[in-house]
Amino acid sequence: MGLYEEIQRLKYEELKIQAALHGAKIQGPAPMSDSSGPTEDNRSQDIPVFKDPSEYDHLSDEEKNTLTDKMMAQHKMWSSGRLKG
């Protein structure tokens, strides 16, 4: 997705939030020429999910550190708004 399309998508999301604050309901994805943007179906897959720590007891320390780094990178992307969920 190009820079212009990304700016337009972000602007649409801002306007959608403002509309919701005023009681309007906007349904459907942002009108874009490229339909590869996030949809309601694939947004939930992008949200990082942290499980019970006891589920990771079988992993070695190195595997735990690798998984932690991966999960934290995904969490940072999600919390900064690059992943929508």
PDB file of N, CA and C in Angstrom:
ATOM      1  N   MET A   1       0.856  -1.165   0.000  1.00  0.00           N
ATOM      2  CA  MET A   1       0.000   0.000   0.000  1.00  0.00           C
ATOM      3  C   MET A   1       0.903   1.229   0.000  1.00  0.00           C
ATOM      4  N   GLY A   2       0.585   2.168  -0.838  1.00  0.00           N
ATOM      5  CA  GLY A   2       1.384   3.377  -0.939  1.00  0.00           C
ATOM      6  C   GLY A   2       1.129   4.340   0.202  1.00  0.00           C
ATOM      7  N   LEU A   3       1.972   5.330   0.305  1.00  0.00           N
ATOM      8  CA  LEU A   3       1.862   6.312   1.375  1.00  0.00           C
ATOM      9  C   LEU A   3       0.529   7.055   1.327  1.00  0.00           C
ATOM     10  N   TYR A   4       0.108   7.456   0.135  1.00  0.00           N
ATOM     11  CA  TYR A   4      -1.150   8.193   0.008  1.00  0.00           C
ATOM     12  C   TYR A   4      -2.336   7.355   0.502  1.00  0.00           C
ATOM     13  N   GLU A   5      -2.379   6.077   0.099  1.00  0.00           N
ATOM     14  CA  GLU A   5      -3.486   5.215   0.519  1.00  0.00           C
ATOM     15  C   GLU A   5      -3.475   5.012   2.031  1.00  0.00           C
ATOM     16  N   GLU A   6      -2.279   4.890   2.607  1.00  0.00           N
ATOM     17  CA  GLU A   6      -2.181   4.715   4.049  1.00  0.00           C
ATOM     18  C   GLU A   6      -2.668   5.962   4.791  1.00  0.00           C
ATOM     19  N   ILE A   7      -2.320   7.129   4.297  1.00  0.00           N
ATOM     20  CA  ILE A   7      -2.786   8.380   4.906  1.00  0.00           C
ATOM     21  C   ILE A   7      -4.301   8.470   4.813  1.00  0.00           C
ATOM     22  N   GLN A   8      -4.846   8.117   3.659  1.00  0.00           N
ATOM     23  CA  GLN A   8      -6.297   8.159   3.492  1.00  0.00           C
ATOM     24  C   GLN A   8      -6.999   7.168   4.419  1.00  0.00           C
ATOM     25  N   ARG A   9      -6.413   5.986   4.592  1.00  0.00           N
ATOM     26  CA  ARG A   9      -7.008   4.994   5.480  1.00  0.00           C
ATOM     27  C   ARG A   9      -6.996   5.485   6.932  1.00  0.00           C
ATOM     28  N   LEU A  10      -5.868   6.082   7.348  1.00  0.00           N
ATOM     29  CA  LEU A  10      -5.774   6.600   8.711  1.00  0.00           C
ATOM     30  C   LEU A  10      -6.755   7.749   8.937  1.00  0.00           C
ATOM     31  N   LYS A  11      -6.901   8.610   7.947  1.00  0.00           N
ATOM     32  CA  LYS A  11      -7.853   9.719   8.050  1.00  0.00           C
ATOM     33  C   LYS A  11      -9.277   9.175   8.163  1.00  0.00           C
ATOM     34  N   TYR A  12      -9.583   8.146   7.374  1.00  0.00           N
ATOM     35  CA  TYR A  12     -10.904   7.526   7.434  1.00  0.00           C
ATOM     36  C   TYR A  12     -11.152   6.960   8.829  1.00  0.00           C
ATOM     37  N   GLU A  13     -10.155   6.306   9.419  1.00  0.00           N
ATOM     38  CA  GLU A  13     -10.303   5.749  10.756  1.00  0.00           C
ATOM     39  C   GLU A  13     -10.544   6.855  11.785  1.00  0.00           C
ATOM     40  N   GLU A  14      -9.840   7.980  11.660  1.00  0.00           N
ATOM     41  CA  GLU A  14     -10.046   9.110  12.566  1.00  0.00           C
ATOM     42  C   GLU A  14     -11.470   9.642  12.449  1.00  0.00           C
ATOM     43  N   LEU A  15     -11.937   9.803  11.219  1.00  0.00           N
ATOM     44  CA  LEU A  15     -13.298  10.309  11.009  1.00  0.00           C
ATOM     45  C   LEU A  15     -14.341   9.318  11.512  1.00  0.00           C
ATOM     46  N   LYS A  16     -14.057   8.037  11.378  1.00  0.00           N
ATOM     47  CA  LYS A  16     -14.972   7.013  11.860  1.00  0.00           C
ATOM     48  C   LYS A  16     -15.100   7.085  13.384  1.00  0.00           C
ATOM     49  N   ILE A  17     -13.982   7.329  14.068  1.00  0.00           N
ATOM     50  CA  ILE A  17     -14.002   7.470  15.529  1.00  0.00           C
ATOM     51  C   ILE A  17     -14.792   8.713  15.925  1.00  0.00           C
ATOM     52  N   GLN A  18     -14.557   9.817  15.230  1.00  0.00           N
ATOM     53  CA  GLN A  18     -15.291  11.043  15.523  1.00  0.00           C
ATOM     54  C   GLN A  18     -16.784  10.847  15.301  1.00  0.00           C
ATOM     55  N   ALA A  19     -17.136  10.142  14.248  1.00  0.00           N
ATOM     56  CA  ALA A  19     -18.548   9.880  13.972  1.00  0.00           C
ATOM     57  C   ALA A  19     -19.158   9.036  15.091  1.00  0.00           C
ATOM     58  N   ALA A  20     -18.408   8.045  15.576  1.00  0.00           N
ATOM     59  CA  ALA A  20     -18.904   7.199  16.656  1.00  0.00           C
ATOM     60  C   ALA A  20     -19.106   8.009  17.937  1.00  0.00           C
ATOM     61  N   LEU A  21     -18.236   8.974  18.183  1.00  0.00           N
ATOM     62  CA  LEU A  21     -18.386   9.825  19.360  1.00  0.00           C
ATOM     63  C   LEU A  21     -19.656  10.667  19.289  1.00  0.00           C
ATOM     64  N   HIS A  22     -20.093  10.956  18.080  1.00  0.00           N
ATOM     65  CA  HIS A  22     -21.310  11.738  17.882  1.00  0.00           C
ATOM     66  C   HIS A  22     -22.542  10.860  17.683  1.00  0.00           C
ATOM     67  N   GLY A  23     -22.371   9.553  17.805  1.00  0.00           N
ATOM     68  CA  GLY A  23     -23.495   8.638  17.740  1.00  0.00           C
ATOM     69  C   GLY A  23     -23.770   8.025  16.380  1.00  0.00           C
ATOM     70  N   ALA A  24     -23.007   8.359  15.372  1.00  0.00           N
ATOM     71  CA  ALA A  24     -23.215   7.784  14.045  1.00  0.00           C
ATOM     72  C   ALA A  24     -22.508   6.438  13.956  1.00  0.00           C
ATOM     73  N   LYS A  25     -23.072   5.539  13.191  1.00  0.00           N
ATOM     74  CA  LYS A  25     -22.454   4.228  12.996  1.00  0.00           C
ATOM     75  C   LYS A  25     -22.025   4.104  11.549  1.00  0.00           C
ATOM     76  N   ILE A  26     -20.735   3.921  11.355  1.00  0.00           N
ATOM     77  CA  ILE A  26     -20.171   3.737  10.021  1.00  0.00           C
ATOM     78  C   ILE A  26     -19.869   2.256   9.881  1.00  0.00           C
ATOM     79  N   GLN A  27     -20.434   1.624   8.871  1.00  0.00           N
ATOM     80  CA  GLN A  27     -20.213   0.195   8.682  1.00  0.00           C
ATOM     81  C   GLN A  27     -19.407  -0.045   7.426  1.00  0.00           C
ATOM     82  N   GLY A  28     -18.648  -1.114   7.460  1.00  0.00           N
ATOM     83  CA  GLY A  28     -17.866  -1.492   6.292  1.00  0.00           C
ATOM     84  C   GLY A  28     -16.455  -0.950   6.356  1.00  0.00           C
ATOM     85  N   PRO A  29     -15.590  -1.510   5.531  1.00  0.00           N
ATOM     86  CA  PRO A  29     -14.197  -1.054   5.505  1.00  0.00           C
ATOM     87  C   PRO A  29     -14.073   0.292   4.810  1.00  0.00           C
ATOM     88  N   ALA A  30     -12.927   0.909   4.969  1.00  0.00           N
ATOM     89  CA  ALA A  30     -12.672   2.197   4.319  1.00  0.00           C
ATOM     90  C   ALA A  30     -12.731   2.020   2.807  1.00  0.00           C
ATOM     91  N   PRO A  31     -13.340   2.973   2.110  1.00  0.00           N
ATOM     92  CA  PRO A  31     -13.361   2.868   0.650  1.00  0.00           C
ATOM     93  C   PRO A  31     -11.955   3.093   0.103  1.00  0.00           C
ATOM     94  N   MET A  32     -11.361   2.036  -0.448  1.00  0.00           N
ATOM     95  CA  MET A  32     -10.005   2.099  -0.983  1.00  0.00           C
ATOM     96  C   MET A  32      -9.985   1.432  -2.349  1.00  0.00           C
ATOM     97  N   SER A  33      -9.007   1.807  -3.133  1.00  0.00           N
ATOM     98  CA  SER A  33      -8.839   1.126  -4.404  1.00  0.00           C
ATOM     99  C   SER A  33      -8.214  -0.253  -4.189  1.00  0.00           C
ATOM    100  N   ASP A  34      -7.469  -0.412  -3.098  1.00  0.00           N
ATOM    101  CA  ASP A  34      -6.831  -1.678  -2.768  1.00  0.00           C
ATOM    102  C   ASP A  34      -7.611  -2.320  -1.635  1.00  0.00           C
ATOM    103  N   SER A  35      -8.141  -3.502  -1.843  1.00  0.00           N
ATOM    104  CA  SER A  35      -8.963  -4.148  -0.818  1.00  0.00           C
ATOM    105  C   SER A  35      -8.147  -5.022   0.129  1.00  0.00           C
ATOM    106  N   SER A  36      -6.829  -4.842   0.145  1.00  0.00           N
ATOM    107  CA  SER A  36      -5.995  -5.682   0.997  1.00  0.00           C
ATOM    108  C   SER A  36      -5.898  -5.147   2.421  1.00  0.00           C
ATOM    109  N   GLY A  37      -6.620  -4.092   2.740  1.00  0.00           N
ATOM    110  CA  GLY A  37      -6.584  -3.530   4.077  1.00  0.00           C
ATOM    111  C   GLY A  37      -7.260  -4.428   5.086  1.00  0.00           C
ATOM    112  N   PRO A  38      -7.165  -4.081   6.368  1.00  0.00           N
ATOM    113  CA  PRO A  38      -7.754  -4.920   7.398  1.00  0.00           C
ATOM    114  C   PRO A  38      -9.280  -4.923   7.310  1.00  0.00           C
ATOM    115  N   THR A  39      -9.850  -6.063   7.583  1.00  0.00           N
ATOM    116  CA  THR A  39     -11.304  -6.198   7.641  1.00  0.00           C
ATOM    117  C   THR A  39     -11.671  -6.707   9.014  1.00  0.00           C
ATOM    118  N   GLU A  40     -12.945  -6.750   9.315  1.00  0.00           N
ATOM    119  CA  GLU A  40     -13.389  -7.236  10.616  1.00  0.00           C
ATOM    120  C   GLU A  40     -12.959  -8.686  10.831  1.00  0.00           C
ATOM    121  N   ASP A  41     -12.898  -9.477   9.750  1.00  0.00           N
ATOM    122  CA  ASP A  41     -12.550 -10.883   9.880  1.00  0.00           C
ATOM    123  C   ASP A  41     -11.085 -11.088  10.256  1.00  0.00           C
ATOM    124  N   ASN A  42     -10.168 -10.333   9.617  1.00  0.00           N
ATOM    125  CA  ASN A  42      -8.750 -10.586   9.882  1.00  0.00           C
ATOM    126  C   ASN A  42      -8.159  -9.676  10.942  1.00  0.00           C
ATOM    127  N   ARG A  43      -8.902  -8.726  11.451  1.00  0.00           N
ATOM    128  CA  ARG A  43      -8.367  -7.873  12.523  1.00  0.00           C
ATOM    129  C   ARG A  43      -8.141  -8.657  13.791  1.00  0.00           C
ATOM    130  N   SER A  44      -9.075  -9.549  14.134  1.00  0.00           N
ATOM    131  CA  SER A  44      -8.942 -10.300  15.370  1.00  0.00           C
ATOM    132  C   SER A  44      -7.714 -11.212  15.337  1.00  0.00           C
ATOM    133  N   GLN A  45      -7.266 -11.604  14.158  1.00  0.00           N
ATOM    134  CA  GLN A  45      -6.092 -12.450  14.051  1.00  0.00           C
ATOM    135  C   GLN A  45      -4.820 -11.664  14.319  1.00  0.00           C
ATOM    136  N   ASP A  46      -4.847 -10.345  14.182  1.00  0.00           N
ATOM    137  CA  ASP A  46      -3.659  -9.530  14.368  1.00  0.00           C
ATOM    138  C   ASP A  46      -3.411  -9.143  15.819  1.00  0.00           C
ATOM    139  N   ILE A  47      -4.401  -9.307  16.683  1.00  0.00           N
ATOM    140  CA  ILE A  47      -4.251  -8.898  18.067  1.00  0.00           C
ATOM    141  C   ILE A  47      -3.358  -9.906  18.781  1.00  0.00           C
ATOM    142  N   PRO A  48      -2.280  -9.416  19.424  1.00  0.00           N
ATOM    143  CA  PRO A  48      -1.401 -10.357  20.122  1.00  0.00           C
ATOM    144  C   PRO A  48      -2.112 -10.979  21.320  1.00  0.00           C
ATOM    145  N   VAL A  49      -1.954 -12.279  21.476  1.00  0.00           N
ATOM    146  CA  VAL A  49      -2.598 -12.997  22.569  1.00  0.00           C
ATOM    147  C   VAL A  49      -1.519 -13.625  23.436  1.00  0.00           C
ATOM    148  N   PHE A  50      -1.539 -13.260  24.704  1.00  0.00           N
ATOM    149  CA  PHE A  50      -0.589 -13.820  25.650  1.00  0.00           C
ATOM    150  C   PHE A  50      -1.319 -14.885  26.460  1.00  0.00           C
ATOM    151  N   LYS A  51      -0.700 -16.049  26.579  1.00  0.00           N
ATOM    152  CA  LYS A  51      -1.333 -17.177  27.246  1.00  0.00           C
ATOM    153  C   LYS A  51      -0.844 -17.289  28.676  1.00  0.00           C
ATOM    154  N   ASP A  52      -1.370 -18.284  29.372  1.00  0.00           N
ATOM    155  CA  ASP A  52      -0.966 -18.586  30.734  1.00  0.00           C
ATOM    156  C   ASP A  52       0.510 -18.996  30.742  1.00  0.00           C
ATOM    157  N   PRO A  53       1.327 -18.417  31.615  1.00  0.00           N
ATOM    158  CA  PRO A  53       2.754 -18.753  31.642  1.00  0.00           C
ATOM    159  C   PRO A  53       3.041 -20.244  31.823  1.00  0.00           C
ATOM    160  N   SER A  54       2.152 -20.969  32.482  1.00  0.00           N
ATOM    161  CA  SER A  54       2.396 -22.400  32.681  1.00  0.00           C
ATOM    162  C   SER A  54       2.371 -23.184  31.367  1.00  0.00           C
ATOM    163  N   GLU A  55       1.778 -22.616  30.324  1.00  0.00           N
ATOM    164  CA  GLU A  55       1.747 -23.276  29.020  1.00  0.00           C
ATOM    165  C   GLU A  55       3.120 -23.247  28.333  1.00  0.00           C
ATOM    166  N   TYR A  56       4.041 -22.447  28.853  1.00  0.00           N
ATOM    167  CA  TYR A  56       5.373 -22.331  28.258  1.00  0.00           C
ATOM    168  C   TYR A  56       6.439 -23.053  29.070  1.00  0.00           C
ATOM    169  N   ASP A  57       6.052 -23.794  30.090  1.00  0.00           N
ATOM    170  CA  ASP A  57       7.016 -24.482  30.958  1.00  0.00           C
ATOM    171  C   ASP A  57       7.845 -25.520  30.215  1.00  0.00           C
ATOM    172  N   HIS A  58       7.314 -26.112  29.169  1.00  0.00           N
ATOM    173  CA  HIS A  58       8.032 -27.157  28.445  1.00  0.00           C
ATOM    174  C   HIS A  58       9.120 -26.603  27.520  1.00  0.00           C
ATOM    175  N   LEU A  59       9.156 -25.275  27.311  1.00  0.00           N
ATOM    176  CA  LEU A  59      10.147 -24.673  26.412  1.00  0.00           C
ATOM    177  C   LEU A  59      11.469 -24.427  27.138  1.00  0.00           C
ATOM    178  N   SER A  60      12.555 -24.474  26.390  1.00  0.00           N
ATOM    179  CA  SER A  60      13.857 -24.141  26.962  1.00  0.00           C
ATOM    180  C   SER A  60      13.950 -22.624  27.134  1.00  0.00           C
ATOM    181  N   ASP A  61      14.946 -22.166  27.888  1.00  0.00           N
ATOM    182  CA  ASP A  61      15.117 -20.727  28.107  1.00  0.00           C
ATOM    183  C   ASP A  61      15.341 -19.988  26.789  1.00  0.00           C
ATOM    184  N   GLU A  62      16.110 -20.594  25.891  1.00  0.00           N
ATOM    185  CA  GLU A  62      16.372 -19.957  24.594  1.00  0.00           C
ATOM    186  C   GLU A  62      15.082 -19.832  23.782  1.00  0.00           C
ATOM    187  N   GLU A  63      14.265 -20.888  23.783  1.00  0.00           N
ATOM    188  CA  GLU A  63      12.981 -20.845  23.064  1.00  0.00           C
ATOM    189  C   GLU A  63      12.044 -19.817  23.678  1.00  0.00           C
ATOM    190  N   LYS A  64      12.050 -19.728  25.005  1.00  0.00           N
ATOM    191  CA  LYS A  64      11.215 -18.735  25.692  1.00  0.00           C
ATOM    192  C   LYS A  64      11.642 -17.317  25.315  1.00  0.00           C
ATOM    193  N   ASN A  65      12.956 -17.073  25.287  1.00  0.00           N
ATOM    194  CA  ASN A  65      13.443 -15.739  24.930  1.00  0.00           C
ATOM    195  C   ASN A  65      13.101 -15.387  23.490  1.00  0.00           C
ATOM    196  N   THR A  66      13.228 -16.340  22.583  1.00  0.00           N
ATOM    197  CA  THR A  66      12.884 -16.112  21.179  1.00  0.00           C
ATOM    198  C   THR A  66      11.402 -15.795  21.040  1.00  0.00           C
ATOM    199  N   LEU A  67      10.564 -16.585  21.713  1.00  0.00           N
ATOM    200  CA  LEU A  67       9.119 -16.364  21.659  1.00  0.00           C
ATOM    201  C   LEU A  67       8.743 -15.031  22.306  1.00  0.00           C
ATOM    202  N   THR A  68       9.398 -14.681  23.410  1.00  0.00           N
ATOM    203  CA  THR A  68       9.141 -13.405  24.078  1.00  0.00           C
ATOM    204  C   THR A  68       9.472 -12.235  23.151  1.00  0.00           C
ATOM    205  N   ASP A  69      10.626 -12.300  22.493  1.00  0.00           N
ATOM    206  CA  ASP A  69      11.007 -11.234  21.564  1.00  0.00           C
ATOM    207  C   ASP A  69       9.986 -11.092  20.440  1.00  0.00           C
ATOM    208  N   LYS A  70       9.544 -12.220  19.908  1.00  0.00           N
ATOM    209  CA  LYS A  70       8.555 -12.197  18.821  1.00  0.00           C
ATOM    210  C   LYS A  70       7.235 -11.596  19.303  1.00  0.00           C
ATOM    211  N   MET A  71       6.781 -12.024  20.478  1.00  0.00           N
ATOM    212  CA  MET A  71       5.505 -11.535  21.008  1.00  0.00           C
ATOM    213  C   MET A  71       5.585 -10.045  21.371  1.00  0.00           C
ATOM    214  N   MET A  72       6.714  -9.618  21.919  1.00  0.00           N
ATOM    215  CA  MET A  72       6.862  -8.210  22.281  1.00  0.00           C
ATOM    216  C   MET A  72       6.923  -7.327  21.039  1.00  0.00           C
ATOM    217  N   ALA A  73       7.556  -7.806  19.981  1.00  0.00           N
ATOM    218  CA  ALA A  73       7.589  -7.035  18.736  1.00  0.00           C
ATOM    219  C   ALA A  73       6.178  -6.878  18.185  1.00  0.00           C
ATOM    220  N   GLN A  74       5.411  -7.961  18.221  1.00  0.00           N
ATOM    221  CA  GLN A  74       4.025  -7.892  17.741  1.00  0.00           C
ATOM    222  C   GLN A  74       3.201  -6.971  18.636  1.00  0.00           C
ATOM    223  N   HIS A  75       3.404  -7.040  19.945  1.00  0.00           N
ATOM    224  CA  HIS A  75       2.668  -6.179  20.878  1.00  0.00           C
ATOM    225  C   HIS A  75       2.998  -4.704  20.640  1.00  0.00           C
ATOM    226  N   LYS A  76       4.279  -4.404  20.415  1.00  0.00           N
ATOM    227  CA  LYS A  76       4.678  -3.014  20.168  1.00  0.00           C
ATOM    228  C   LYS A  76       4.054  -2.484  18.883  1.00  0.00           C
ATOM    229  N   MET A  77       4.016  -3.333  17.838  1.00  0.00           N
ATOM    230  CA  MET A  77       3.375  -2.913  16.592  1.00  0.00           C
ATOM    231  C   MET A  77       1.888  -2.674  16.818  1.00  0.00           C
ATOM    232  N   TRP A  78       1.239  -3.564  17.571  1.00  0.00           N
ATOM    233  CA  TRP A  78      -0.193  -3.445  17.835  1.00  0.00           C
ATOM    234  C   TRP A  78      -0.473  -2.192  18.686  1.00  0.00           C
ATOM    235  N   SER A  79       0.315  -1.975  19.728  1.00  0.00           N
ATOM    236  CA  SER A  79       0.053  -0.852  20.627  1.00  0.00           C
ATOM    237  C   SER A  79       0.353   0.494  19.972  1.00  0.00           C
ATOM    238  N   SER A  80       1.240   0.511  18.969  1.00  0.00           N
ATOM    239  CA  SER A  80       1.531   1.771  18.282  1.00  0.00           C
ATOM    240  C   SER A  80       0.524   2.059  17.188  1.00  0.00           C
ATOM    241  N   GLY A  81      -0.406   1.115  16.935  1.00  0.00           N
ATOM    242  CA  GLY A  81      -1.440   1.354  15.950  1.00  0.00           C
ATOM    243  C   GLY A  81      -1.151   0.802  14.585  1.00  0.00           C
ATOM    244  N   ARG A  82      -0.013   0.159  14.405  1.00  0.00           N
ATOM    245  CA  ARG A  82       0.303  -0.406  13.087  1.00  0.00           C
ATOM    246  C   ARG A  82      -0.501  -1.671  12.825  1.00  0.00           C
ATOM    247  N   LEU A  83      -0.894  -2.366  13.900  1.00  0.00           N
ATOM    248  CA  LEU A  83      -1.815  -3.482  13.759  1.00  0.00           C
ATOM    249  C   LEU A  83      -3.122  -3.045  14.391  1.00  0.00           C
ATOM    250  N   LYS A  84      -4.188  -3.202  13.686  1.00  0.00           N
ATOM    251  CA  LYS A  84      -5.469  -2.779  14.218  1.00  0.00           C
ATOM    252  C   LYS A  84      -6.219  -3.992  14.756  1.00  0.00           C
ATOM    253  N   GLY A  85      -6.815  -3.775  15.906  1.00  0.00           N
ATOM    254  CA  GLY A  85      -7.566  -4.862  16.485  1.00  0.00           C
ATOM    255  C   GLY A  85      -8.624  -4.418  17.414  1.00  0.00           C
TER     256      GLY A  85
END
